Amino acid sequence: MKQIRWEFPKNIEEAVGLINENRAVLHGGGVHLSGKRIKDETTFVSLDKLQLNYVKRENGSIKIGSMTDFQTVSEQLNNVMPAHILAKSLGQAATTPLRNRITIGGSLGLAPNWSDLIGPLIALNAEVKLEGAVSGIHHVADYILQKELNTNTLITEVIIPSVNFESWYYREGIIKNDHPVFTITLLTKQRNKHVEDLVVVLTGHTQRFLRLNSIEEKLKGQDINQIEFDNVVKGLDVKFPSVRGMSSDYIRHLAEVQIERGLTELLKS
């Protein structure tokens, strides 16, 4: 194994310069390195000195520094906007020790299929601020899907609208702290017992993430007391990989059941 060199940039410009080195690995919480067999990587770039650890409200948005850990985001959002969807999702992720280490930027940069971060960010139409080969503010959905946005770039901030939604979050797992097989994010606004707005996002399937527009359109404008929830979700057109002894069809059935349950709880409560 080659000799490993650590770099500790004091500002974003210096960090971006180091990112361009071949095989330079960004280090925030360091969780992704646990158990990883280091082979050809020779340079690790610590982001600890970049002052990117914060949660603040500014100009109608909530801005989260990329070095902020899951536990801090969950706690501070609960103080600012109780029952915020990100507070719910991140508060359930992994274990307490890991929530104290996993950073927003690191989790979004890797964007694993089992992430508890991605569904809520897509539902909130969140944006990400980048520096590096591509700089500027981009939608999180574009960042995940477009390779050029996540190559030789540094996430400095995640930006979400400071808007109040009623919300519901679900993660399907074998045990509480396990990686979820899929996640469901529901956001809704209601007025006079009618569905004014609805967002449904599903992750864990072969498309990375999916906003279920057909369900949203069926329910928008509907009288909540007249909705037959068991007819809304059936026939979900999405493919899941077969995992943990469960077939794709069975996982899809579980997702349909949980989406129906979440809609019922959220809209009938």
Foldseek 3Di string as FASTA:
>chain_A
DDAADEAEDQEPVVVLVQLPPPQEAEDALCPVVVVDDDDPRRYYYYDVNHPQQDWDDDDQKIKHFQNHFLVVVLVVCCVVPNPQQSVVLSVQEADPVVSRRHTNQVCLLVLDLLDSPPQSLVQQQKWWAKDYPDGDIGTSVCCVVPVSNSRSIGTTMIMGGPDDWQKDKDFDDPDRHDRGQKMWIWTFDDDPQATQFIWIKMTNAPVRIDIPVQLRVVRHGDRNVPDDLVPRQPPPPTFHPAPPPRHRVRVSVVVSVVVSVRVCVRSVD
